[in-house]
Amino acid sequence: MIRHIVLVRFRPDVAETAIAAIFDDLRAIEGKVPGLSSICAGRSESPEQIERGYLHGFTVDFADWAALAAYQAHPDHQRVGAALVAHAAGGIDGILVFDLAC
């Protein structure tokens, strides 16, 4: 299993409603890509509070690397990714991606 972890520092002027809309759009990809098993997205609820500005994020679980590649090439992912970059602090610099083979 591959867990795709994405943390986002959104610009301060981006409303929570806009962030929720992006995450709703992301969740709509579930069921469209073979091998994509689940998507979980939202705001950090960590009691440790050491997010370092990455207050939002999501995980996507895939059966294998091929499924992750199919997701990355999917037009809906491309659209959501563009929205994330457009709303992140510093564009792509406000996004952290970590892929973990479990």
Protein backbone atom coordinates (compact mmCIF):
# COMPACT_ATOMS: atom_id res chain seq x y z
CA MET A 1 0.00 0.00 0.00
CA ILE A 2 1.16 3.54 -0.77
CA ARG A 3 0.00 6.40 1.43
CA HIS A 4 0.21 9.76 -0.35
CA ILE A 5 0.45 12.49 2.29
CA VAL A 6 0.00 16.15 1.34
CA LEU A 7 0.29 19.06 3.79
CA VAL A 8 -0.76 22.56 2.74
CA ARG A 9 -0.10 26.04 4.08
CA PHE A 10 -2.94 28.05 2.60
CA ARG A 11 -2.60 31.80 2.13
CA PRO A 12 -4.13 33.76 5.05
CA ASP A 13 -6.74 35.31 2.74
CA VAL A 14 -8.16 31.92 1.68
CA ALA A 15 -11.46 31.28 3.48
CA GLU A 16 -12.21 27.96 5.13
CA THR A 17 -15.18 27.61 2.77
CA ALA A 18 -12.81 27.78 -0.23
CA ILE A 19 -10.55 25.17 1.36
CA ALA A 20 -13.55 22.93 2.06
CA ALA A 21 -14.61 23.25 -1.60
CA ILE A 22 -11.15 22.17 -2.79
CA PHE A 23 -11.22 19.17 -0.44
CA ASP A 24 -14.75 18.26 -1.59
CA ASP A 25 -13.46 18.33 -5.16
CA LEU A 26 -10.57 16.10 -4.11
CA ARG A 27 -12.87 13.59 -2.40
CA ALA A 28 -14.93 13.38 -5.60
CA ILE A 29 -11.96 11.61 -7.24
CA GLU A 30 -12.55 8.58 -4.99
CA GLY A 31 -13.99 5.77 -7.10
CA LYS A 32 -12.63 7.20 -10.36
CA VAL A 33 -9.08 5.78 -10.19
CA PRO A 34 -8.55 2.00 -9.94
CA GLY A 35 -6.41 1.15 -6.94
CA LEU A 36 -7.30 4.32 -5.02
CA SER A 37 -8.87 3.03 -1.81
CA SER A 38 -9.53 6.13 0.31
CA ILE A 39 -9.15 9.88 0.66
CA CYS A 40 -9.14 11.73 3.99
CA ALA A 41 -8.82 15.53 4.03
CA GLY A 42 -9.21 18.36 6.51
CA ARG A 43 -7.71 20.72 9.06
CA SER A 44 -5.20 19.53 11.63
CA GLU A 45 -6.65 18.59 14.98
CA SER A 46 -3.30 17.73 16.55
CA PRO A 47 -3.09 18.36 20.29
CA GLU A 48 0.68 18.81 19.82
CA GLN A 49 0.13 21.95 17.72
CA ILE A 50 3.47 21.74 15.90
CA GLU A 51 2.10 21.98 12.36
CA ARG A 52 4.55 24.79 11.48
CA GLY A 53 1.90 26.50 9.38
CA TYR A 54 0.72 23.36 7.59
CA LEU A 55 -2.79 23.52 9.06
CA HIS A 56 -4.53 21.50 6.33
CA GLY A 57 -3.75 18.29 4.56
CA PHE A 58 -4.94 15.06 3.10
CA THR A 59 -3.98 11.46 2.59
CA VAL A 60 -4.78 9.21 -0.33
CA ASP A 61 -4.24 5.45 -0.07
CA PHE A 62 -3.30 3.43 -3.15
CA ALA A 63 -2.86 -0.27 -3.79
CA ASP A 64 0.50 0.30 -5.49
CA TRP A 65 2.74 2.77 -7.30
CA ALA A 66 0.88 2.24 -10.58
CA ALA A 67 -2.35 3.43 -8.96
CA LEU A 68 -0.58 6.54 -7.64
CA ALA A 69 0.75 7.22 -11.15
CA ALA A 70 -2.77 6.86 -12.60
CA TYR A 71 -4.07 9.32 -9.98
CA GLN A 72 -1.33 11.82 -10.80
CA ALA A 73 -2.21 11.67 -14.50
CA HIS A 74 -5.99 11.89 -13.92
CA PRO A 75 -7.51 15.21 -15.13
CA ASP A 76 -9.48 15.69 -11.90
CA HIS A 77 -6.23 15.41 -9.90
CA GLN A 78 -4.58 17.92 -12.25
CA ARG A 79 -7.46 20.37 -11.65
CA VAL A 80 -7.44 19.97 -7.85
CA GLY A 81 -3.64 20.20 -7.80
CA ALA A 82 -3.79 23.48 -9.71
CA ALA A 83 -6.33 24.85 -7.19
CA LEU A 84 -4.09 23.81 -4.30
CA VAL A 85 -1.07 25.56 -5.82
CA ALA A 86 -3.13 28.68 -6.59
CA HIS A 87 -4.32 28.94 -2.97
CA ALA A 88 -1.17 27.82 -1.13
CA ALA A 89 1.17 30.32 0.50
CA GLY A 90 4.00 30.77 -1.99
CA GLY A 91 2.36 28.48 -4.55
CA ILE A 92 4.07 25.10 -4.75
CA ASP A 93 6.37 26.14 -1.88
CA GLY A 94 3.35 25.98 0.45
CA ILE A 95 2.77 22.30 -0.30
CA LEU A 96 4.63 19.32 1.16
CA VAL A 97 4.20 15.85 -0.37
CA PHE A 98 5.38 12.61 1.22
CA ASP A 99 4.73 9.15 -0.24
CA LEU A 100 5.08 6.26 2.17
CA ALA A 101 5.15 2.59 1.18
CA CYS A 102 3.40 0.73 3.99
